[in-house]
Amino acid sequence: MSLKIIFTLAILHLAKVSAVIYLRAGDTCDNSDVERICDPSLFLNCINSICGCNDTLQLEQPASYILATCAIKLGQVCQSDVDPAKPGCIINSKCVTKSEIDLNGICTCVEPDSPSPDGDFCYHLADKTSEFCGQLMPGVTCNAEGKLFCSSGSRCTCEEGWISAGGCYANYTYPCKTSSNHTWELCPPPAYGEYHLKCSSEENGQCECLFHEENIWIPNPSGGPGTFPGCYFRPGASCEDIQEHEMYCVELSRCRGISPNRVCTCVDYFAPNDDSTLCLHAPAELLEYGENCRDTYPRAVCNSFNMLECDYPCFDCVCVCQSGYSINTALNLCQAAHGSVCDSVEGAPFPNMTCNSEEFLTCVDSNCACENEATQYFNPITSECGLLAHENCTTQPNTIRCTLGTTCQHIQDNTSRCRCPTRMKATENRTACEQNPTLVILSFNETCDIWDVETSFCNNLQDLSCQGSICSCPSEGHVWNAEWESCYAGYQTDCVPFSSKTSEQCDPTSLTTCLSTDDKCGCLVFQLWWKDRCHTLVGHDCRSDKSICVENAECVRGACSCGEGFVPDPELNFGQCMTKEGGAGSSINVNMFLLITLIGKLYLVKFWTKCGFM
């Protein structure tokens, strides 16, 4: 047989061996199946097609993470030598022989334990922590006198406050003895040196720190060297014995100096408190709100007395108010924010417990809230209380404002209310605005209601407003132009040059112009106001759409000329037409015409001067 064939057969054999699956207790099995067998390391056999134990053994499972294995029953023959290849006695029992030279013995409960009536287990009183109990270990009871209880029905654990160190030991200030067979009467042994406790007397003492006067008991250290609960050297205390006993100075202090005068000293920018029990931050500079800070730089820190902290982690950190507080910019003080606990007593000793007045908060049942929830709402976006839509409001400074999305709009007299923008309505809870698809838009002279603009309103695009329950133009000086369907400024009414708002434009029907001399609608210097519109005087260009010649004149070859039987004024050669007999046309006599013409010239000179032509 060639080496190649032998090598191939060897590989196939190894593959077959490696394919064996070991079954656990309770799995189905078949004695003829060589690839799925009961695990022999657990001393299991295939009995009636189920992996289990033979008659002299019983199944035990000491913990959920330990596989169930077969062990020798109480009263059965065992071998005294320890051989991992052979099963041992059940837990809390041992192989007892008649003499030291005998190899065979009987599985017997260890004194003072006793067997159960059915012989399946030993009754055992556990004195040590971490012993299995409850469902995982039938018959095992945690010693209550030893301050133990069965935690989660699986492990013996010390009661709260007792120190777990194999057994349960007395904690700081607990009653103790210097010598006892019971751990719960002793302070923790030196092997658990992080506690550094000793009993103050042989009998009826209490556990105290090893160096009573120079130590302090710290039950919950925050971190750093010596993170266990235990005794630590105070700031200023001698620490010569610190290394010998593997002890530490309190947090934020170090053992410094030259032997034999070494003492625990607070690190830089920290100092002992009044009773020298810990080191407090003593920075060289306190930073206020908005100032740049570094979370790991102890020299300058955010002023914690003002409830400030460094907004860390960040690239360009600044001091901000701690959670539950917000800044009152007027006072430069962090005050209780919405929902935080507060103190409603006026002149309280802690100003930070006062609700932030800039957010219009008040102390209600010891919590910061809006003064009246029926009319006000705390907006998390603006971080302040605001008035709900439809509530009365004022635009005075330092008063509560309308909630986001609404504005304080004047209604009439001294009454203003929070209202949504035009063509929108308040939501059902009145905290915001939304589109209003059912809104009725009213036009000129239609009936309206100034108190209800969410059902119908006067068309603001026509510059209409509700006045006396009628949709009207802004003022008496404005006129409604039916052709253009909007309000315009009338003759001698204020106007705004080049404005896009019709109420600030001059009425196109009246042919008036917004004069730059006084920002009022009027006639140009070559025009005359007559019969509700401006008319172009004789001799002036009339080709514009805004040109209507004066009475008894007509537009001839681009200029206003007097009609048949009429002549221009003989003295000014400018203005109205007059009859050939010397009487002025229409109802305006010559003297009046001369006066109007003179005024027109003066306006023309004033206009030219303002425009820079003179």
Foldseek 3Di string as FASTA:
>chain_A
DDPVVVVVVVVVVVVQVVQADEDAFFAFADPVDRRYAHDCLLVWHQDPRTTAHDPQWHWAFLDPVGTIGIAGFAFDKDFQDDDSSDHYHPPQWHFDDPDPPDGIGGTAHDPPWHADPVRRAIQEEDFFWFGFAAPNHPNYAYDVVQQWHQPPRTIIDHHPQFDHDRGTAHAAFGAAAQDDPRRPRAHDDLVPLLAQWHFPYHHRTGIAHVPHPQWDFDCQAPDDPSRHGHIAGFAPGFCQCCVVSVHYHHPQWHFDDDPPRTGTHHDPQWHADPVRHHIHGRACEEDAFFAWDDQPDSNYAHDCLLQWHWPPDDDGIGIAHDPQWHAQVVVSGTAGAAFHFADQDPPDPRRNRAYRVLLCWHQDPRGTDHPDPVFWDQDPVVRHIAGFFLDWDDPDPSDHAHAPQWHWADQDDPTTTTAHPQQWHADPSRRHIDHQPQEAEDAFFDFADSSDVSNYFYDCLQCWHQDPRGTHHPDPQWDQDPVVRHIAGFAFGAADPPDPRRPRAYDVVQLWHQAPVHRGTDHALQWDRDDRHTEGKFPDFQPDPSHHHDPQWDQDPRTTAHHPQWHADPPPSMGFTAGPVQATPDPQGPVNRVVSNVVSVVRVVVSCVVVPVD
